[in-house]
Amino acid sequence: MTSSAALQPEPAPIVACTISRDVQNFDLLIEDMETELGESWGDLSFEDAKVFMTQPDSATLEFVAIAIDSEDEKDLALISELIRTAGAQGIKVIVIAEDVSPVALHQLLKQGAEEFVPYPLPDGALHDAIERLRAPAPAEPAPTAPQHKSGGGHDGVVLAVHGLAGGVGATTFAVNMAWELATIDKKNPPRVCILDLDLQYGSVATFLDLPRRDAVFELLSDTENMDNEAFLQALQSVDDTLFALTAPADMLPLDLIGPEDVQRLLDAARTNFDYVVVDLPSTVVQWTEVLLHSAHVYFAPLELDMRSAQNTLRMIRALKAEDLPFEKLRYVLNRAPRFTDLSGKSRVRRMAESLDIKIEVLLPDGGRQVTEANDQGLPLARSAAKSPYRKELRKLAMSVHELNLSVAEAG
């Protein structure tokens, strides 16, 4: 006679687990897990999760969803260890985070978490994350296939802009230089992008009237897994003319990204664009060296005042001390004296001589027109095309473009 126990269906294998301090704090996650997995999931505390994932019972696990909030930031070391343990067991990780600082989230993603979903969960967000985890890995490209597809095949010129003091107009210079290059040739316009790497006070988004998107932080947090499509999707376009990677929405530490991250961004940008303008923070950081070596031209805007002179001297000394290419700096004097201001021109000459530099570009004071254009989020070419500042910048962009074309033809 068949026993009644034999008639009971075997329980479905557990394919996923939530891991949290208290899963009841994430009721929307419970609902979505039940919708996606039925009864094929379980829940673990932080303490139990590490032990369970090393036992044979965890062999059926596809992924774990680690749910954390601001109170869990004090346990980042434990949570990071859980992510590493999961990775060692071949278990994928989704991080569900509510009110967690960008720095903490960045640390967890660096440990190997594959997906991040904010809490409260947006509609369909968990479903989409699970689908991405379950999607088969893309086939390795053939050796002869191009590394990038969309817009690939370029070998862009990198133009770095590093203001030598606050308020010297570095971002204004970078944004308008990028726009002038993008519109320099109506018949055959170059592809141009601008990267805002001032992660704390970057204002390219403001000057181009663009929103700051979470996609930028996600891209910067995991450049190791950045492919060409992810890079392009993080960009925004201004009338399909100029493309921009804005600074993140939140103020982030400048060491959020390292030299390898910056190099990957530059490689992706150069592959897809003819010109890559990089707006840098005025601070010298660990990855400044990458731009110094990669940039074809390294613009250093300054003003005719003592702080700019002192900062220029400090910059040159610092680069010489580290044996870095200080000779790459091209000095741009903003708010330069007018042609008839002989006294001002004499001050410019004395400043250059005392610093042993050559000031190659002199930009006149744009005055209110520049301020209003920036506040309105418009390039000067659109808001004040006849501005003397814009005319000089246009000449500079034209010379850069002509030089690039001549080099390309010679090559």
Protein backbone atom coordinates (compact mmCIF):
# COMPACT_ATOMS: atom_id res chain seq x y z
CA MET A 1 0.00 0.00 0.00
CA THR A 2 1.35 3.41 -0.94
CA SER A 3 2.02 5.62 2.03
CA SER A 4 0.40 9.02 2.22
CA ALA A 5 3.85 10.60 2.48
CA ALA A 6 4.72 9.32 -0.96
CA LEU A 7 1.73 11.19 -2.40
CA GLN A 8 3.01 14.54 -1.15
CA PRO A 9 4.82 16.50 -3.86
CA GLU A 10 8.45 17.24 -3.21
CA PRO A 11 9.04 20.85 -2.13
CA ALA A 12 10.34 23.12 -4.87
CA PRO A 13 14.09 23.71 -4.64
CA ILE A 14 15.14 27.04 -3.18
CA VAL A 15 16.61 29.09 -6.04
CA ALA A 16 17.02 32.39 -4.23
CA CYS A 17 17.25 33.93 -0.79
CA THR A 18 16.80 37.36 0.66
CA ILE A 19 19.47 38.37 3.16
CA SER A 20 18.74 41.23 5.54
CA ARG A 21 18.73 42.42 9.12
CA ASP A 22 14.92 42.05 9.11
CA VAL A 23 13.11 41.26 5.86
CA GLN A 24 9.89 42.70 7.30
CA ASN A 25 11.44 46.12 6.75
CA PHE A 26 11.26 45.41 3.02
CA ASP A 27 7.66 44.36 2.50
CA LEU A 28 7.68 45.31 -1.19
CA LEU A 29 10.64 42.98 -1.69
CA ILE A 30 8.67 40.12 -0.10
CA GLU A 31 5.78 40.73 -2.49
CA ASP A 32 8.01 40.86 -5.55
CA MET A 33 9.95 37.74 -4.54
CA GLU A 34 6.69 35.83 -4.14
CA THR A 35 5.48 37.12 -7.52
CA GLU A 36 8.69 36.09 -9.27
CA LEU A 37 9.53 32.84 -7.46
CA GLY A 38 6.43 31.60 -5.66
CA GLU A 39 7.64 29.42 -2.79
CA SER A 40 11.09 28.79 -4.28
CA TRP A 41 12.86 31.31 -2.08
CA GLY A 42 13.89 31.73 1.52
CA ASP A 43 15.12 34.36 3.92
CA LEU A 44 18.35 34.51 5.92
CA SER A 45 19.91 36.85 8.43
CA PHE A 46 23.39 38.26 7.82
CA GLU A 47 24.86 35.87 10.39
CA ASP A 48 23.18 32.74 8.96
CA ALA A 49 23.79 33.57 5.31
CA LYS A 50 27.55 33.03 5.29
CA VAL A 51 27.22 29.58 6.87
CA PHE A 52 24.36 28.53 4.59
CA MET A 53 26.10 29.53 1.35
CA THR A 54 29.01 27.18 2.11
CA GLN A 55 26.73 24.18 2.76
CA PRO A 56 25.51 21.62 0.16
CA ASP A 57 21.92 22.91 0.53
CA SER A 58 22.94 26.13 -1.24
CA ALA A 59 23.81 24.29 -4.46
CA THR A 60 20.43 25.18 -6.00
CA LEU A 61 20.75 28.90 -5.33
CA GLU A 62 20.81 31.10 -8.44
CA PHE A 63 21.07 34.39 -6.60
CA VAL A 64 20.67 36.19 -3.30
CA ALA A 65 19.05 39.58 -2.78
CA ILE A 66 20.87 41.49 -0.03
CA ALA A 67 18.51 44.15 1.34
CA ILE A 68 20.10 46.98 3.33
CA ASP A 69 19.27 50.44 4.61
CA SER A 70 21.22 53.24 6.27
CA GLU A 71 21.39 51.34 9.60
CA ASP A 72 23.35 48.55 7.92
CA GLU A 73 26.24 50.76 6.80
CA LYS A 74 28.05 50.01 10.07
CA ASP A 75 28.15 46.34 8.96
CA LEU A 76 29.63 46.94 5.53
CA ALA A 77 32.58 44.64 6.22
CA LEU A 78 30.22 41.73 6.99
CA ILE A 79 28.04 42.46 3.94
CA SER A 80 31.09 42.73 1.70
CA GLU A 81 32.26 39.36 2.98
CA LEU A 82 28.85 37.86 2.13
CA ILE A 83 29.13 39.15 -1.44
CA ARG A 84 32.60 37.64 -1.81
CA THR A 85 31.39 34.33 -0.35
CA ALA A 86 28.48 34.24 -2.79
CA GLY A 87 30.81 34.95 -5.69
CA ALA A 88 33.12 32.13 -4.63
CA GLN A 89 30.15 29.75 -4.64
CA GLY A 90 28.93 30.91 -8.06
CA ILE A 91 25.88 32.63 -6.55
CA LYS A 92 24.95 35.98 -8.10
CA VAL A 93 24.07 38.99 -5.95
CA ILE A 94 21.43 41.71 -6.20
CA VAL A 95 21.80 44.61 -3.77
CA ILE A 96 18.50 46.20 -2.66
CA ALA A 97 19.38 49.52 -1.02
CA GLU A 98 17.35 52.19 0.75
CA ASP A 99 18.99 55.47 1.87
CA VAL A 100 22.48 54.01 1.52
CA SER A 101 25.31 56.44 0.78
CA PRO A 102 26.87 56.32 -2.70
CA VAL A 103 30.26 55.50 -1.17
CA ALA A 104 28.88 52.43 0.62
CA LEU A 105 27.02 51.30 -2.49
CA HIS A 106 30.13 51.73 -4.59
CA GLN A 107 32.08 49.55 -2.17
CA LEU A 108 29.52 46.75 -2.38
CA LEU A 109 29.40 46.82 -6.17
CA LYS A 110 33.18 46.64 -6.25
CA GLN A 111 33.04 43.46 -4.17
CA GLY A 112 31.21 41.69 -6.99
CA ALA A 113 27.48 42.41 -6.74
CA GLU A 114 25.99 42.06 -10.22
CA GLU A 115 22.87 44.21 -9.82
CA PHE A 116 21.68 47.19 -7.79
CA VAL A 117 17.99 48.05 -7.29
CA PRO A 118 16.83 51.02 -5.20
CA TYR A 119 14.18 50.58 -2.52
CA PRO A 120 11.22 51.19 -2.58
CA LEU A 121 11.33 48.93 -5.61
CA PRO A 122 10.20 50.55 -8.87
CA ASP A 123 7.60 48.54 -10.80
CA GLY A 124 9.25 45.62 -12.59
CA ALA A 125 12.75 46.51 -11.32
CA LEU A 126 13.33 43.20 -9.51
CA HIS A 127 11.93 41.24 -12.46
CA ASP A 128 14.29 43.02 -14.86
CA ALA A 129 17.27 42.46 -12.56
CA ILE A 130 16.51 38.73 -12.32
CA GLU A 131 16.12 38.50 -16.09
CA ARG A 132 19.54 40.11 -16.58
CA LEU A 133 21.10 37.68 -14.12
CA ARG A 134 19.56 34.71 -15.93
CA ALA A 135 20.45 35.93 -19.42
CA PRO A 136 23.23 33.87 -21.01
CA ALA A 137 26.61 35.53 -21.12
CA PRO A 138 27.35 37.08 -24.52
CA ALA A 139 29.61 35.08 -26.76
CA GLU A 140 33.21 36.13 -26.93
CA PRO A 141 33.77 38.29 -30.04
CA ALA A 142 35.97 37.00 -32.78
CA PRO A 143 39.51 38.33 -32.62
CA THR A 144 38.94 40.37 -35.77
CA ALA A 145 35.69 41.92 -34.57
CA PRO A 146 35.82 45.56 -33.47
CA GLN A 147 35.78 46.08 -29.72
CA HIS A 148 33.01 48.68 -29.96
CA LYS A 149 30.02 48.71 -32.28
CA SER A 150 27.88 51.83 -31.97
CA GLY A 151 29.79 54.72 -33.45
CA GLY A 152 33.06 52.79 -33.13
CA GLY A 153 36.04 53.13 -35.37
CA HIS A 154 37.07 56.62 -34.25
CA ASP A 155 40.37 57.63 -32.69
CA GLY A 156 39.33 60.75 -30.85
CA VAL A 157 41.46 63.71 -29.82
CA VAL A 158 41.41 64.24 -26.04
CA LEU A 159 41.25 67.87 -24.86
CA ALA A 160 41.57 68.18 -21.08
CA VAL A 161 40.54 71.38 -19.27
CA HIS A 162 41.98 71.92 -15.79
CA GLY A 163 41.24 75.23 -14.10
CA LEU A 164 44.16 76.42 -12.00
CA ALA A 165 41.84 78.19 -9.55
CA GLY A 166 38.15 78.28 -8.77
CA GLY A 167 36.06 80.62 -10.88
CA VAL A 168 38.53 81.01 -13.76
CA GLY A 169 35.91 79.86 -16.29
CA ALA A 170 37.21 76.34 -16.92
CA THR A 171 33.78 74.73 -17.36
CA THR A 172 32.56 77.62 -19.51
CA PHE A 173 35.64 77.12 -21.66
CA ALA A 174 35.17 73.32 -21.84
CA VAL A 175 31.45 73.43 -22.69
CA ASN A 176 31.76 76.10 -25.37
CA MET A 177 34.90 74.56 -26.85
CA ALA A 178 33.03 71.25 -27.16
CA TRP A 179 30.06 72.99 -28.80
CA GLU A 180 32.23 74.93 -31.25
CA LEU A 181 34.02 71.73 -32.30
CA ALA A 182 30.70 69.93 -32.74
CA THR A 183 29.43 72.68 -35.07
CA ILE A 184 32.73 73.58 -36.78
CA ASP A 185 31.82 71.88 -40.08
CA LYS A 186 28.18 71.85 -41.15
CA LYS A 187 28.76 69.45 -44.03
CA ASN A 188 30.84 66.94 -42.11
CA PRO A 189 30.38 67.67 -38.38
CA PRO A 190 32.76 65.87 -36.04
CA ARG A 191 31.38 63.63 -33.30
CA VAL A 192 32.10 65.37 -30.00
CA CYS A 193 31.49 64.46 -26.38
CA ILE A 194 32.29 66.19 -23.10
CA LEU A 195 33.04 64.25 -19.91
CA ASP A 196 32.45 66.02 -16.59
CA LEU A 197 34.85 64.37 -14.15
CA ASP A 198 34.36 66.93 -11.39
CA LEU A 199 32.36 64.49 -9.27
CA GLN A 200 31.60 67.06 -6.58
CA TYR A 201 30.92 70.42 -8.19
CA GLY A 202 30.69 69.56 -11.89
CA SER A 203 28.34 71.94 -13.69
CA VAL A 204 28.38 70.78 -17.31
CA ALA A 205 24.80 69.58 -16.77
CA THR A 206 23.79 73.07 -15.63
CA PHE A 207 25.53 74.85 -18.50
CA LEU A 208 23.86 72.55 -21.05
CA ASP A 209 20.48 72.31 -19.30
CA LEU A 210 20.71 68.54 -18.86
CA PRO A 211 19.34 66.42 -15.99
CA ARG A 212 21.74 64.53 -13.74
CA ARG A 213 21.04 60.82 -14.09
CA ASP A 214 21.61 57.85 -11.80
CA ALA A 215 23.01 55.96 -14.79
CA VAL A 216 26.20 58.01 -14.49
CA PHE A 217 26.87 56.80 -10.95
CA GLU A 218 26.14 53.20 -11.96
CA LEU A 219 28.58 53.52 -14.86
CA LEU A 220 31.35 55.04 -12.75
CA SER A 221 30.84 52.44 -10.01
CA ASP A 222 31.59 49.50 -12.26
CA THR A 223 33.72 50.46 -15.24
CA GLU A 224 35.27 46.99 -15.27
CA ASN A 225 32.02 45.61 -16.65
CA MET A 226 31.28 48.68 -18.80
CA ASP A 227 30.68 47.80 -22.41
CA ASN A 228 30.27 50.15 -25.32
CA GLU A 229 26.48 50.24 -25.09
CA ALA A 230 26.51 51.02 -21.37
CA PHE A 231 28.86 53.94 -21.98
CA LEU A 232 26.75 55.38 -24.79
CA GLN A 233 23.51 54.98 -22.83
CA ALA A 234 24.94 57.01 -19.95
CA LEU A 235 25.50 59.94 -22.30
CA GLN A 236 22.95 62.63 -23.07
CA SER A 237 22.75 64.61 -26.26
CA VAL A 238 22.12 68.28 -26.86
CA ASP A 239 20.07 68.41 -30.07
CA ASP A 240 21.99 65.39 -31.40
CA THR A 241 24.96 67.73 -31.77
CA LEU A 242 26.99 67.40 -28.59
CA PHE A 243 27.04 64.39 -26.25
CA ALA A 244 27.73 64.75 -22.53
CA LEU A 245 28.54 62.53 -19.58
CA THR A 246 27.40 64.77 -16.74
CA ALA A 247 28.62 64.66 -13.16
CA PRO A 248 26.56 62.37 -10.87
CA ALA A 249 23.52 63.73 -9.07
CA ASP A 250 25.13 63.45 -5.62
CA MET A 251 28.42 64.88 -4.40
CA LEU A 252 30.88 62.00 -4.46
CA PRO A 253 34.50 61.57 -3.32
CA LEU A 254 36.98 62.16 -6.12
CA ASP A 255 38.58 58.77 -5.39
CA LEU A 256 35.34 57.02 -6.31
CA ILE A 257 37.11 56.39 -9.58
CA GLY A 258 40.73 55.40 -10.04
CA PRO A 259 43.25 55.63 -12.88
CA GLU A 260 41.98 52.40 -14.47
CA ASP A 261 38.38 53.67 -14.42
CA VAL A 262 39.35 56.95 -16.08
CA GLN A 263 41.41 55.15 -18.71
CA ARG A 264 38.44 52.93 -19.59
CA LEU A 265 36.18 55.98 -19.94
CA LEU A 266 38.70 57.70 -22.21
CA ASP A 267 39.16 54.57 -24.33
CA ALA A 268 35.39 54.21 -24.79
CA ALA A 269 34.98 57.90 -25.60
CA ARG A 270 37.87 58.00 -28.08
CA THR A 271 36.52 54.96 -29.89
CA ASN A 272 33.15 56.63 -30.44
CA PHE A 273 34.02 60.30 -30.94
CA ASP A 274 36.36 62.51 -32.92
CA TYR A 275 36.88 64.92 -30.02
CA VAL A 276 36.66 64.19 -26.30
CA VAL A 277 36.63 67.28 -24.06
CA VAL A 278 37.25 66.46 -20.39
CA ASP A 279 36.28 68.97 -17.70
CA LEU A 280 38.47 68.24 -14.67
CA PRO A 281 38.25 69.33 -11.04
CA SER A 282 40.74 72.01 -10.06
CA THR A 283 42.08 69.54 -7.49
CA VAL A 284 44.97 67.28 -8.50
CA VAL A 285 43.93 63.68 -7.86
CA GLN A 286 45.39 60.23 -8.32
CA TRP A 287 44.03 59.92 -11.85
CA THR A 288 45.17 63.37 -13.06
CA GLU A 289 48.26 61.59 -14.40
CA VAL A 290 46.08 59.55 -16.77
CA LEU A 291 44.76 62.74 -18.37
CA LEU A 292 48.21 64.29 -18.55
CA HIS A 293 49.48 61.34 -20.55
CA SER A 294 46.33 60.77 -22.62
CA ALA A 295 45.42 64.34 -23.53
CA HIS A 296 46.55 65.69 -26.88
CA VAL A 297 46.12 69.20 -25.45
CA TYR A 298 45.91 69.98 -21.72
CA PHE A 299 44.32 73.42 -21.34
CA ALA A 300 44.99 75.24 -18.07
CA PRO A 301 42.71 78.28 -17.68
CA LEU A 302 43.83 80.99 -15.24
CA GLU A 303 43.30 84.68 -14.54
CA LEU A 304 45.52 87.69 -14.17
CA ASP A 305 45.71 87.60 -10.37
CA MET A 306 48.02 86.45 -7.60
CA ARG A 307 46.12 83.26 -6.70
CA SER A 308 46.32 82.01 -10.30
CA ALA A 309 50.02 82.80 -10.42
CA GLN A 310 50.70 80.99 -7.15
CA ASN A 311 48.60 77.99 -8.13
CA THR A 312 50.34 77.77 -11.50
CA LEU A 313 53.69 77.71 -9.74
CA ARG A 314 52.47 74.98 -7.37
CA MET A 315 51.12 72.93 -10.27
CA ILE A 316 54.37 73.10 -12.20
CA ARG A 317 56.41 72.16 -9.11
CA ALA A 318 54.12 69.22 -8.34
CA LEU A 319 54.30 67.86 -11.89
CA LYS A 320 58.08 68.26 -12.01
CA ALA A 321 58.46 66.50 -8.66
CA GLU A 322 56.53 63.50 -9.98
CA ASP A 323 58.32 63.61 -13.34
CA LEU A 324 55.04 64.26 -15.14
CA PRO A 325 54.75 66.08 -18.49
CA PHE A 326 54.25 69.65 -17.22
CA GLU A 327 55.19 70.95 -20.67
CA LYS A 328 51.84 69.68 -21.96
CA LEU A 329 49.98 72.49 -20.19
CA ARG A 330 48.58 75.14 -22.54
CA TYR A 331 47.75 78.25 -20.56
CA VAL A 332 44.50 80.06 -21.29
CA LEU A 333 44.11 83.51 -19.76
CA ASN A 334 40.45 84.27 -19.11
CA ARG A 335 39.19 87.84 -18.72
CA ALA A 336 42.32 89.06 -20.48
CA PRO A 337 42.98 92.81 -20.82
CA ARG A 338 41.55 94.54 -23.85
CA PHE A 339 43.71 95.36 -26.84
CA THR A 340 43.94 99.02 -25.82
CA ASP A 341 44.84 98.23 -22.19
CA LEU A 342 48.61 98.60 -22.44
CA SER A 343 49.08 98.42 -18.68
CA GLY A 344 47.12 95.15 -18.51
CA LYS A 345 49.07 93.65 -21.41
CA SER A 346 52.29 94.55 -19.62
CA ARG A 347 51.04 92.70 -16.51
CA VAL A 348 50.30 89.62 -18.62
CA ARG A 349 53.84 89.68 -20.00
CA ARG A 350 55.41 90.06 -16.56
CA MET A 351 53.25 87.25 -15.17
CA ALA A 352 54.33 84.88 -17.96
CA GLU A 353 57.98 85.78 -17.52
CA SER A 354 57.93 85.36 -13.75
CA LEU A 355 56.33 81.92 -14.06
CA ASP A 356 58.48 80.95 -17.06
CA ILE A 357 55.40 79.98 -19.07
CA LYS A 358 53.87 80.99 -22.36
CA ILE A 359 50.26 82.19 -22.27
CA GLU A 360 49.05 81.10 -25.69
CA VAL A 361 45.35 81.94 -25.55
CA LEU A 362 43.83 85.21 -24.33
CA LEU A 363 40.07 85.27 -23.92
CA PRO A 364 38.30 88.59 -23.31
CA ASP A 365 35.87 89.10 -20.47
CA GLY A 366 32.48 87.81 -21.62
CA GLY A 367 30.68 89.68 -18.86
CA ARG A 368 26.98 89.20 -18.28
CA GLN A 369 26.48 87.42 -21.60
CA VAL A 370 28.52 84.46 -20.37
CA THR A 371 26.80 84.36 -16.98
CA GLU A 372 23.34 84.53 -18.56
CA ALA A 373 24.18 81.84 -21.13
CA ASN A 374 25.36 79.50 -18.38
CA ASP A 375 22.29 80.16 -16.26
CA GLN A 376 20.03 79.47 -19.24
CA GLY A 377 21.89 76.28 -20.13
CA LEU A 378 22.82 77.50 -23.60
CA PRO A 379 26.13 77.55 -25.49
CA LEU A 380 27.29 81.07 -26.28
CA ALA A 381 26.91 80.33 -29.98
CA ARG A 382 23.16 80.21 -29.39
CA SER A 383 22.65 82.92 -26.81
CA ALA A 384 25.34 85.47 -27.72
CA ALA A 385 26.95 84.52 -31.02
CA LYS A 386 28.63 87.91 -31.41
CA SER A 387 30.24 87.84 -27.98
CA PRO A 388 33.98 88.66 -28.21
CA TYR A 389 34.65 85.71 -25.90
CA ARG A 390 32.78 83.38 -28.25
CA LYS A 391 34.58 84.72 -31.32
CA GLU A 392 38.00 84.04 -29.79
CA LEU A 393 36.93 80.57 -28.69
CA ARG A 394 35.64 79.87 -32.18
CA LYS A 395 39.04 80.79 -33.62
CA LEU A 396 40.74 78.44 -31.15
CA ALA A 397 38.37 75.58 -32.02
CA MET A 398 38.98 76.17 -35.72
CA SER A 399 42.75 76.01 -35.24
CA VAL A 400 42.45 72.79 -33.24
CA HIS A 401 40.24 71.23 -35.93
CA GLU A 402 42.46 72.33 -38.81
CA LEU A 403 45.55 70.99 -37.04
CA ASN A 404 43.79 67.68 -36.44
CA LEU A 405 42.76 67.40 -40.09
CA SER A 406 46.28 68.16 -41.29
CA VAL A 407 47.75 65.52 -38.97
CA ALA A 408 45.16 62.99 -40.14
CA GLU A 409 45.98 63.71 -43.80
CA ALA A 410 49.71 63.45 -43.17
CA GLY A 411 49.22 60.14 -41.41
